[in-house]
Amino acid sequence: MNLKNDQRGNSSTLAIVGLTILLLIFIVFSFWAFSGRQKYKNNVQAISDQAAQQAVQVAQQQDAVKYNEQLKNPYRSYSGPSQYGGISLKYPNTWSSYIDDSGNGQALIDGYFNPGYVPSISAQSSVFALRVQVLNQSYSDVLSGITSSSQQNQAKISPYSLPLLPSVVGVKVTGQIGNNQTGEMVVLPLRGNTIEVFTMGTDYQSDFENIILPNLTFSP
């Protein structure tokens, strides 16, 4: 009888131990599953928050660009003296300008344009969004100097006509447009003189191509 009781007692003990082990395994697995779920939930939330933040930043940037574009309107205008071709151009309302069209300077017309304010026109380090010049030089002479730079692989030259003046054919220069200066420049013949219109660097190339050139004209 004692032997049977011992066997029954051992069986009960083993059963309890087995159930306890299974319970511990279940608890550990449940905790692991819960932790994994929380980690996944946290990661998903973090990814969602990051995506939402990026979306807000993109929207803010787009709004800022749209707002800045709206500020450029209505465009300002400049009309030069008729004896120097009667140049007519439009530029963004947010830009300032300094123009010497007296004919007594180094150029018959010498214009400087830049957003906000015009930096020093005498400092070699100054960079301008737009420069407009009527040079007291023949187109062939000016083009000869440009061609020389192009042959040194410092500039790319292609034929160009203004949208409002397709009958006058000049060139568009991309790359080296002056001493240690890069950008984009349009060079056109004007009677016995030459017009140079250019932007320095690349920051205002879009304005140059989409606002300045489409609205530029003169009397050939």
C-alpha atoms as a PDB file:
ATOM      1  CA  MET A   1       0.000   0.000   0.000  1.00  0.00           C
ATOM      2  CA  ASN A   2       2.808   2.375   0.796  1.00  0.00           C
ATOM      3  CA  LEU A   3       4.470   1.589  -2.506  1.00  0.00           C
ATOM      4  CA  LYS A   4       1.292   2.445  -4.380  1.00  0.00           C
ATOM      5  CA  ASN A   5       0.885   5.624  -2.457  1.00  0.00           C
ATOM      6  CA  ASP A   6       4.461   6.569  -3.232  1.00  0.00           C
ATOM      7  CA  GLN A   7       3.896   5.880  -6.918  1.00  0.00           C
ATOM      8  CA  ARG A   8       0.732   7.945  -6.899  1.00  0.00           C
ATOM      9  CA  GLY A   9       2.553  10.701  -5.036  1.00  0.00           C
ATOM     10  CA  ASN A  10       5.411  10.664  -7.529  1.00  0.00           C
ATOM     11  CA  SER A  11       2.980  10.734 -10.446  1.00  0.00           C
ATOM     12  CA  SER A  12       1.154  13.719  -8.958  1.00  0.00           C
ATOM     13  CA  THR A  13       4.416  15.490  -8.343  1.00  0.00           C
ATOM     14  CA  LEU A  14       5.571  14.879 -11.895  1.00  0.00           C
ATOM     15  CA  ALA A  15       2.256  16.106 -13.220  1.00  0.00           C
ATOM     16  CA  ILE A  16       2.465  19.265 -11.161  1.00  0.00           C
ATOM     17  CA  VAL A  17       6.066  19.857 -12.275  1.00  0.00           C
ATOM     18  CA  GLY A  18       5.075  19.294 -15.887  1.00  0.00           C
ATOM     19  CA  LEU A  19       2.153  21.667 -15.636  1.00  0.00           C
ATOM     20  CA  THR A  20       4.363  24.220 -13.911  1.00  0.00           C
ATOM     21  CA  ILE A  21       6.939  23.984 -16.708  1.00  0.00           C
ATOM     22  CA  LEU A  22       4.227  24.327 -19.342  1.00  0.00           C
ATOM     23  CA  LEU A  23       2.816  27.327 -17.471  1.00  0.00           C
ATOM     24  CA  LEU A  24       6.246  28.942 -17.320  1.00  0.00           C
ATOM     25  CA  ILE A  25       6.770  28.282 -21.037  1.00  0.00           C
ATOM     26  CA  PHE A  26       3.362  29.799 -21.779  1.00  0.00           C
ATOM     27  CA  ILE A  27       4.140  32.856 -19.627  1.00  0.00           C
ATOM     28  CA  VAL A  28       7.556  33.338 -21.276  1.00  0.00           C
ATOM     29  CA  PHE A  29       6.075  32.904 -24.753  1.00  0.00           C
ATOM     30  CA  SER A  30       3.235  35.292 -23.970  1.00  0.00           C
ATOM     31  CA  PHE A  31       5.660  37.886 -22.651  1.00  0.00           C
ATOM     32  CA  TRP A  32       7.883  37.451 -25.725  1.00  0.00           C
ATOM     33  CA  ALA A  33       4.901  37.757 -28.055  1.00  0.00           C
ATOM     34  CA  PHE A  34       3.597  40.801 -26.208  1.00  0.00           C
ATOM     35  CA  SER A  35       7.038  42.445 -26.232  1.00  0.00           C
ATOM     36  CA  GLY A  36       7.403  41.730 -29.929  1.00  0.00           C
ATOM     37  CA  ARG A  37       3.980  43.150 -30.628  1.00  0.00           C
ATOM     38  CA  GLN A  38       4.734  46.281 -28.608  1.00  0.00           C
ATOM     39  CA  LYS A  39       8.068  46.681 -30.359  1.00  0.00           C
ATOM     40  CA  TYR A  40       6.384  46.290 -33.746  1.00  0.00           C
ATOM     41  CA  LYS A  41       3.662  48.709 -32.698  1.00  0.00           C
ATOM     42  CA  ASN A  42       6.240  51.226 -31.514  1.00  0.00           C
ATOM     43  CA  ASN A  43       8.269  50.837 -34.711  1.00  0.00           C
ATOM     44  CA  VAL A  44       5.171  51.260 -36.854  1.00  0.00           C
ATOM     45  CA  GLN A  45       4.184  54.340 -34.865  1.00  0.00           C
ATOM     46  CA  ALA A  46       7.691  55.777 -35.168  1.00  0.00           C
ATOM     47  CA  ILE A  47       7.713  55.153 -38.922  1.00  0.00           C
ATOM     48  CA  SER A  48       4.243  56.664 -39.208  1.00  0.00           C
ATOM     49  CA  ASP A  49       5.264  59.718 -37.179  1.00  0.00           C
ATOM     50  CA  GLN A  50       8.399  60.169 -39.280  1.00  0.00           C
ATOM     51  CA  ALA A  51       6.426  59.876 -42.512  1.00  0.00           C
ATOM     52  CA  ALA A  52       3.859  62.389 -41.241  1.00  0.00           C
ATOM     53  CA  GLN A  53       6.620  64.794 -40.224  1.00  0.00           C
ATOM     54  CA  GLN A  54       8.289  64.466 -43.631  1.00  0.00           C
ATOM     55  CA  ALA A  55       4.947  65.046 -45.340  1.00  0.00           C
ATOM     56  CA  VAL A  56       4.449  68.221 -43.299  1.00  0.00           C
ATOM     57  CA  GLN A  57       7.955  69.425 -44.152  1.00  0.00           C
ATOM     58  CA  VAL A  58       7.401  68.749 -47.870  1.00  0.00           C
ATOM     59  CA  ALA A  59       4.077  70.600 -47.749  1.00  0.00           C
ATOM     60  CA  GLN A  60       5.699  73.534 -45.955  1.00  0.00           C
ATOM     61  CA  GLN A  61       8.495  73.660 -48.518  1.00  0.00           C
ATOM     62  CA  GLN A  62       6.004  73.539 -51.370  1.00  0.00           C
ATOM     63  CA  ASP A  63       3.955  76.302 -49.746  1.00  0.00           C
ATOM     64  CA  ALA A  64       7.105  78.406 -49.279  1.00  0.00           C
ATOM     65  CA  VAL A  65       8.084  77.949 -52.923  1.00  0.00           C
ATOM     66  CA  LYS A  66       4.556  78.801 -54.051  1.00  0.00           C
ATOM     67  CA  TYR A  67       4.483  81.848 -51.784  1.00  0.00           C
ATOM     68  CA  ASN A  68       7.868  83.072 -53.040  1.00  0.00           C
ATOM     69  CA  GLU A  69       6.697  82.669 -56.616  1.00  0.00           C
ATOM     70  CA  GLN A  70       3.556  84.662 -55.853  1.00  0.00           C
ATOM     71  CA  LEU A  71       5.663  87.467 -54.357  1.00  0.00           C
ATOM     72  CA  LYS A  72       7.450  87.884 -57.680  1.00  0.00           C
ATOM     73  CA  ASN A  73       4.259  89.201 -59.242  1.00  0.00           C
ATOM     74  CA  PRO A  74       3.479  91.714 -60.562  1.00  0.00           C
ATOM     75  CA  TYR A  75       6.789  91.971 -62.415  1.00  0.00           C
ATOM     76  CA  ARG A  76       8.744  95.200 -62.456  1.00  0.00           C
ATOM     77  CA  SER A  77       9.700  96.735 -65.786  1.00  0.00           C
ATOM     78  CA  TYR A  78      12.650  98.565 -67.281  1.00  0.00           C
ATOM     79  CA  SER A  79      12.750 100.396 -70.613  1.00  0.00           C
ATOM     80  CA  GLY A  80      16.103 101.674 -71.866  1.00  0.00           C
ATOM     81  CA  PRO A  81      16.899 104.708 -74.029  1.00  0.00           C
ATOM     82  CA  SER A  82      15.880 104.356 -77.669  1.00  0.00           C
ATOM     83  CA  GLN A  83      19.383 105.272 -78.907  1.00  0.00           C
ATOM     84  CA  TYR A  84      20.686 102.118 -77.223  1.00  0.00           C
ATOM     85  CA  GLY A  85      18.061  99.800 -78.632  1.00  0.00           C
ATOM     86  CA  GLY A  86      15.114 100.627 -76.388  1.00  0.00           C
ATOM     87  CA  ILE A  87      15.636  97.493 -74.315  1.00  0.00           C
ATOM     88  CA  SER A  88      12.489  96.368 -72.529  1.00  0.00           C
ATOM     89  CA  LEU A  89      12.565  93.731 -69.816  1.00  0.00           C
ATOM     90  CA  LYS A  90      10.606  92.487 -66.828  1.00  0.00           C
ATOM     91  CA  TYR A  91      12.009  91.106 -63.579  1.00  0.00           C
ATOM     92  CA  PRO A  92      10.574  89.794 -60.272  1.00  0.00           C
ATOM     93  CA  ASN A  93       8.927  92.267 -57.917  1.00  0.00           C
ATOM     94  CA  THR A  94      11.176  91.012 -55.090  1.00  0.00           C
ATOM     95  CA  TRP A  95      14.324  92.139 -56.930  1.00  0.00           C
ATOM     96  CA  SER A  96      16.104  95.476 -56.699  1.00  0.00           C
ATOM     97  CA  SER A  97      18.081  97.100 -59.487  1.00  0.00           C
ATOM     98  CA  TYR A  98      20.824  99.592 -60.211  1.00  0.00           C
ATOM     99  CA  ILE A  99      21.036 100.719 -63.839  1.00  0.00           C
ATOM    100  CA  ASP A 100      23.391 103.174 -65.475  1.00  0.00           C
ATOM    101  CA  ASP A 101      22.012 103.965 -68.908  1.00  0.00           C
ATOM    102  CA  SER A 102      23.685 107.349 -69.324  1.00  0.00           C
ATOM    103  CA  GLY A 103      26.022 105.988 -71.984  1.00  0.00           C
ATOM    104  CA  ASN A 104      29.015 107.427 -70.117  1.00  0.00           C
ATOM    105  CA  GLY A 105      30.086 104.272 -68.295  1.00  0.00           C
ATOM    106  CA  GLN A 106      32.108 101.295 -69.394  1.00  0.00           C
ATOM    107  CA  ALA A 107      28.927 100.059 -71.069  1.00  0.00           C
ATOM    108  CA  LEU A 108      26.232 102.126 -72.773  1.00  0.00           C
ATOM    109  CA  ILE A 109      23.746 100.396 -70.473  1.00  0.00           C
ATOM    110  CA  ASP A 110      24.945  98.634 -67.359  1.00  0.00           C
ATOM    111  CA  GLY A 111      22.259  97.013 -65.214  1.00  0.00           C
ATOM    112  CA  TYR A 112      22.530  95.068 -61.970  1.00  0.00           C
ATOM    113  CA  PHE A 113      19.572  93.113 -60.552  1.00  0.00           C
ATOM    114  CA  ASN A 114      19.326  91.032 -57.395  1.00  0.00           C
ATOM    115  CA  PRO A 115      16.714  89.827 -54.878  1.00  0.00           C
ATOM    116  CA  GLY A 116      16.364  92.099 -51.872  1.00  0.00           C
ATOM    117  CA  TYR A 117      19.213  94.496 -52.519  1.00  0.00           C
ATOM    118  CA  VAL A 118      21.977  95.068 -55.034  1.00  0.00           C
ATOM    119  CA  PRO A 119      25.426  94.256 -53.598  1.00  0.00           C
ATOM    120  CA  SER A 120      28.502  96.347 -54.344  1.00  0.00           C
ATOM    121  CA  ILE A 121      28.937  96.763 -58.085  1.00  0.00           C
ATOM    122  CA  SER A 122      32.648  97.438 -57.656  1.00  0.00           C
ATOM    123  CA  ALA A 123      33.508  94.337 -55.601  1.00  0.00           C
ATOM    124  CA  GLN A 124      34.779  91.462 -57.723  1.00  0.00           C
ATOM    125  CA  SER A 125      33.255  88.985 -55.278  1.00  0.00           C
ATOM    126  CA  SER A 126      29.696  90.268 -55.813  1.00  0.00           C
ATOM    127  CA  VAL A 127      27.289  87.878 -57.495  1.00  0.00           C
ATOM    128  CA  PHE A 128      24.133  89.105 -59.226  1.00  0.00           C
ATOM    129  CA  ALA A 129      20.943  87.332 -60.220  1.00  0.00           C
ATOM    130  CA  LEU A 130      20.890  89.318 -63.445  1.00  0.00           C
ATOM    131  CA  ARG A 131      23.175  91.563 -65.439  1.00  0.00           C
ATOM    132  CA  VAL A 132      22.108  93.480 -68.546  1.00  0.00           C
ATOM    133  CA  GLN A 133      24.643  95.318 -70.682  1.00  0.00           C
ATOM    134  CA  VAL A 134      24.787  97.091 -74.003  1.00  0.00           C
ATOM    135  CA  LEU A 135      28.451  97.017 -74.962  1.00  0.00           C
ATOM    136  CA  ASN A 136      30.048  99.545 -77.279  1.00  0.00           C
ATOM    137  CA  GLN A 137      31.619  96.653 -79.180  1.00  0.00           C
ATOM    138  CA  SER A 138      30.675  94.826 -82.345  1.00  0.00           C
ATOM    139  CA  TYR A 139      28.958  91.480 -82.042  1.00  0.00           C
ATOM    140  CA  SER A 140      31.735  89.770 -84.015  1.00  0.00           C
ATOM    141  CA  ASP A 141      34.414  91.015 -81.633  1.00  0.00           C
ATOM    142  CA  VAL A 142      32.476  89.906 -78.557  1.00  0.00           C
ATOM    143  CA  LEU A 143      31.664  86.553 -80.110  1.00  0.00           C
ATOM    144  CA  SER A 144      35.318  86.022 -80.967  1.00  0.00           C
ATOM    145  CA  GLY A 145      36.286  86.265 -77.296  1.00  0.00           C
ATOM    146  CA  ILE A 146      33.470  83.920 -76.293  1.00  0.00           C
ATOM    147  CA  THR A 147      34.481  81.400 -78.946  1.00  0.00           C
ATOM    148  CA  SER A 148      38.019  81.438 -77.588  1.00  0.00           C
ATOM    149  CA  SER A 149      36.738  80.464 -74.127  1.00  0.00           C
ATOM    150  CA  SER A 150      34.579  77.740 -75.648  1.00  0.00           C
ATOM    151  CA  GLN A 151      37.582  76.234 -77.428  1.00  0.00           C
ATOM    152  CA  GLN A 152      39.231  75.885 -74.012  1.00  0.00           C
ATOM    153  CA  ASN A 153      36.230  73.767 -72.896  1.00  0.00           C
ATOM    154  CA  GLN A 154      35.162  76.492 -70.460  1.00  0.00           C
ATOM    155  CA  ALA A 155      31.828  77.260 -72.103  1.00  0.00           C
ATOM    156  CA  LYS A 156      29.144  75.689 -74.253  1.00  0.00           C
ATOM    157  CA  ILE A 157      27.771  77.852 -77.074  1.00  0.00           C
ATOM    158  CA  SER A 158      24.529  77.332 -78.972  1.00  0.00           C
ATOM    159  CA  PRO A 159      22.445  79.554 -81.311  1.00  0.00           C
ATOM    160  CA  TYR A 160      19.693  81.486 -79.578  1.00  0.00           C
ATOM    161  CA  SER A 161      16.844  83.904 -80.333  1.00  0.00           C
ATOM    162  CA  LEU A 162      14.583  85.673 -77.856  1.00  0.00           C
ATOM    163  CA  PRO A 163      10.977  84.399 -77.858  1.00  0.00           C
ATOM    164  CA  LEU A 164       9.729  87.954 -78.536  1.00  0.00           C
ATOM    165  CA  LEU A 165      12.391  88.644 -81.167  1.00  0.00           C
ATOM    166  CA  PRO A 166      12.961  85.460 -83.199  1.00  0.00           C
ATOM    167  CA  SER A 167      14.425  87.347 -86.159  1.00  0.00           C
ATOM    168  CA  VAL A 168      17.592  88.291 -84.252  1.00  0.00           C
ATOM    169  CA  VAL A 169      19.922  85.325 -83.853  1.00  0.00           C
ATOM    170  CA  GLY A 170      22.661  85.348 -81.275  1.00  0.00           C
ATOM    171  CA  VAL A 171      24.148  82.753 -78.941  1.00  0.00           C
ATOM    172  CA  LYS A 172      23.513  81.295 -75.515  1.00  0.00           C
ATOM    173  CA  VAL A 173      26.614  80.605 -73.437  1.00  0.00           C
ATOM    174  CA  THR A 174      26.561  78.108 -70.580  1.00  0.00           C
ATOM    175  CA  GLY A 175      29.538  77.658 -68.274  1.00  0.00           C
ATOM    176  CA  GLN A 176      32.358  80.186 -68.179  1.00  0.00           C
ATOM    177  CA  ILE A 177      30.807  83.610 -68.810  1.00  0.00           C
ATOM    178  CA  GLY A 178      33.560  85.829 -67.411  1.00  0.00           C
ATOM    179  CA  ASN A 179      36.685  85.916 -65.300  1.00  0.00           C
ATOM    180  CA  ASN A 180      36.316  83.095 -62.756  1.00  0.00           C
ATOM    181  CA  GLN A 181      32.537  83.287 -63.108  1.00  0.00           C
ATOM    182  CA  THR A 182      30.107  80.675 -64.343  1.00  0.00           C
ATOM    183  CA  GLY A 183      26.460  80.979 -65.266  1.00  0.00           C
ATOM    184  CA  GLU A 184      24.287  81.425 -68.318  1.00  0.00           C
ATOM    185  CA  MET A 185      24.485  84.301 -70.800  1.00  0.00           C
ATOM    186  CA  VAL A 186      22.686  85.383 -73.960  1.00  0.00           C
ATOM    187  CA  VAL A 187      24.631  87.520 -76.443  1.00  0.00           C
ATOM    188  CA  LEU A 188      22.796  89.327 -79.252  1.00  0.00           C
ATOM    189  CA  PRO A 189      23.761  91.828 -81.957  1.00  0.00           C
ATOM    190  CA  LEU A 190      22.293  95.335 -81.609  1.00  0.00           C
ATOM    191  CA  ARG A 191      23.097  97.493 -84.613  1.00  0.00           C
ATOM    192  CA  GLY A 192      26.827  98.209 -84.177  1.00  0.00           C
ATOM    193  CA  ASN A 193      26.763  97.184 -80.518  1.00  0.00           C
ATOM    194  CA  THR A 194      26.186  94.016 -78.495  1.00  0.00           C
ATOM    195  CA  ILE A 195      23.688  93.048 -75.823  1.00  0.00           C
ATOM    196  CA  GLU A 196      24.766  90.734 -73.027  1.00  0.00           C
ATOM    197  CA  VAL A 197      22.177  89.400 -70.599  1.00  0.00           C
ATOM    198  CA  PHE A 198      23.361  86.920 -68.017  1.00  0.00           C
ATOM    199  CA  THR A 199      22.802  85.333 -64.641  1.00  0.00           C
ATOM    200  CA  MET A 200      25.730  84.471 -62.372  1.00  0.00           C
ATOM    201  CA  GLY A 201      25.838  81.022 -60.825  1.00  0.00           C
ATOM    202  CA  THR A 202      22.839  78.674 -60.891  1.00  0.00           C
ATOM    203  CA  ASP A 203      20.582  79.985 -58.095  1.00  0.00           C
ATOM    204  CA  TYR A 204      18.491  82.170 -60.397  1.00  0.00           C
ATOM    205  CA  GLN A 205      18.784  80.220 -63.630  1.00  0.00           C
ATOM    206  CA  SER A 206      15.090  79.303 -63.471  1.00  0.00           C
ATOM    207  CA  ASP A 207      14.077  82.981 -63.207  1.00  0.00           C
ATOM    208  CA  PHE A 208      16.494  83.815 -65.997  1.00  0.00           C
ATOM    209  CA  GLU A 209      14.963  81.250 -68.348  1.00  0.00           C
ATOM    210  CA  ASN A 210      11.307  81.549 -67.310  1.00  0.00           C
ATOM    211  CA  ILE A 211      10.929  85.281 -66.579  1.00  0.00           C
ATOM    212  CA  ILE A 212      13.789  87.344 -67.979  1.00  0.00           C
ATOM    213  CA  LEU A 213      14.343  85.884 -71.439  1.00  0.00           C
ATOM    214  CA  PRO A 214      10.652  85.346 -72.366  1.00  0.00           C
ATOM    215  CA  ASN A 215       9.921  89.027 -71.573  1.00  0.00           C
ATOM    216  CA  LEU A 216      13.036  90.625 -73.071  1.00  0.00           C
ATOM    217  CA  THR A 217      12.916  92.585 -76.311  1.00  0.00           C
ATOM    218  CA  PHE A 218      14.586  95.541 -78.085  1.00  0.00           C
ATOM    219  CA  SER A 219      14.666  97.400 -81.386  1.00  0.00           C
ATOM    220  CA  PRO A 220      17.308  95.821 -83.645  1.00  0.00           C
END
